[in-house]
Amino acid sequence: MFDSKALRPANLQKHWQQLRTLEQALHQAAIIAITDQRGTITFANDAFLREIGTF
């Protein structure tokens, strides 16, 4: 069921802030690398760079 209250600006702002907080935690704790279809790394977070080094 669709909840129209979720689309209210105050609620959207709250949800975006929660997503940003989760994103920050994920980038700090998890080793993340994103590659293109050829396997070339196109993004690496700080945790990846600390663990693996530069690429």
C-alpha atoms as a PDB file:
ATOM      1  CA  MET A   1       0.000   0.000   0.000  1.00  0.00           C
ATOM      2  CA  PHE A   2       1.262   3.472  -0.877  1.00  0.00           C
ATOM      3  CA  ASP A   3       1.813   5.854   2.022  1.00  0.00           C
ATOM      4  CA  SER A   4       1.503   9.480   0.914  1.00  0.00           C
ATOM      5  CA  LYS A   5       3.031  10.625   4.231  1.00  0.00           C
ATOM      6  CA  ALA A   6       6.365   9.161   3.119  1.00  0.00           C
ATOM      7  CA  LEU A   7       6.550  11.722   0.316  1.00  0.00           C
ATOM      8  CA  ARG A   8       6.204  14.762   2.543  1.00  0.00           C
ATOM      9  CA  PRO A   9       9.307  16.983   2.409  1.00  0.00           C
ATOM     10  CA  ALA A  10      10.150  16.517   6.099  1.00  0.00           C
ATOM     11  CA  ASN A  11       9.918  12.750   5.760  1.00  0.00           C
ATOM     12  CA  LEU A  12      11.956  12.731   2.554  1.00  0.00           C
ATOM     13  CA  GLN A  13      14.671  14.804   4.192  1.00  0.00           C
ATOM     14  CA  LYS A  14      14.762  12.398   7.142  1.00  0.00           C
ATOM     15  CA  HIS A  15      15.038   9.372   4.844  1.00  0.00           C
ATOM     16  CA  TRP A  16      17.769  10.973   2.717  1.00  0.00           C
ATOM     17  CA  GLN A  17      19.762  11.729   5.878  1.00  0.00           C
ATOM     18  CA  GLN A  18      19.392   8.112   7.004  1.00  0.00           C
ATOM     19  CA  LEU A  19      20.628   6.924   3.609  1.00  0.00           C
ATOM     20  CA  ARG A  20      23.625   9.272   3.777  1.00  0.00           C
ATOM     21  CA  THR A  21      24.490   7.995   7.253  1.00  0.00           C
ATOM     22  CA  LEU A  22      24.301   4.382   6.095  1.00  0.00           C
ATOM     23  CA  GLU A  23      26.383   5.199   3.029  1.00  0.00           C
ATOM     24  CA  GLN A  24      29.083   6.810   5.182  1.00  0.00           C
ATOM     25  CA  ALA A  25      29.182   3.801   7.509  1.00  0.00           C
ATOM     26  CA  LEU A  26      29.376   1.396   4.594  1.00  0.00           C
ATOM     27  CA  HIS A  27      32.205   3.310   2.931  1.00  0.00           C
ATOM     28  CA  GLN A  28      34.191   3.402   6.176  1.00  0.00           C
ATOM     29  CA  ALA A  29      33.731  -0.239   7.168  1.00  0.00           C
ATOM     30  CA  ALA A  30      33.408  -2.260   3.971  1.00  0.00           C
ATOM     31  CA  ILE A  31      35.953  -2.688   1.214  1.00  0.00           C
ATOM     32  CA  ILE A  32      34.153  -1.585  -1.937  1.00  0.00           C
ATOM     33  CA  ALA A  33      35.319  -1.548  -5.539  1.00  0.00           C
ATOM     34  CA  ILE A  34      33.126  -1.103  -8.588  1.00  0.00           C
ATOM     35  CA  THR A  35      34.291  -2.312 -11.978  1.00  0.00           C
ATOM     36  CA  ASP A  36      33.140  -1.853 -15.526  1.00  0.00           C
ATOM     37  CA  GLN A  37      32.289  -4.778 -17.798  1.00  0.00           C
ATOM     38  CA  ARG A  38      35.977  -5.307 -18.630  1.00  0.00           C
ATOM     39  CA  GLY A  39      36.960  -5.557 -14.964  1.00  0.00           C
ATOM     40  CA  THR A  40      38.558  -2.125 -14.778  1.00  0.00           C
ATOM     41  CA  ILE A  41      38.067  -0.552 -11.367  1.00  0.00           C
ATOM     42  CA  THR A  42      36.036   2.623 -11.791  1.00  0.00           C
ATOM     43  CA  PHE A  43      35.478   3.345  -8.088  1.00  0.00           C
ATOM     44  CA  ALA A  44      37.214   2.305  -4.878  1.00  0.00           C
ATOM     45  CA  ASN A  45      36.327   3.564  -1.432  1.00  0.00           C
ATOM     46  CA  ASP A  46      38.806   4.628   1.256  1.00  0.00           C
ATOM     47  CA  ALA A  47      38.683   1.230   3.001  1.00  0.00           C
ATOM     48  CA  PHE A  48      39.686  -0.461  -0.272  1.00  0.00           C
ATOM     49  CA  LEU A  49      42.572   1.948  -0.758  1.00  0.00           C
ATOM     50  CA  ARG A  50      43.765   1.474   2.842  1.00  0.00           C
ATOM     51  CA  GLU A  51      43.715  -2.314   2.485  1.00  0.00           C
ATOM     52  CA  ILE A  52      44.850  -2.798  -1.112  1.00  0.00           C
ATOM     53  CA  GLY A  53      46.698   0.405  -1.887  1.00  0.00           C
ATOM     54  CA  THR A  54      46.411   2.552  -4.947  1.00  0.00           C
ATOM     55  CA  PHE A  55      45.496   1.005  -8.262  1.00  0.00           C
END
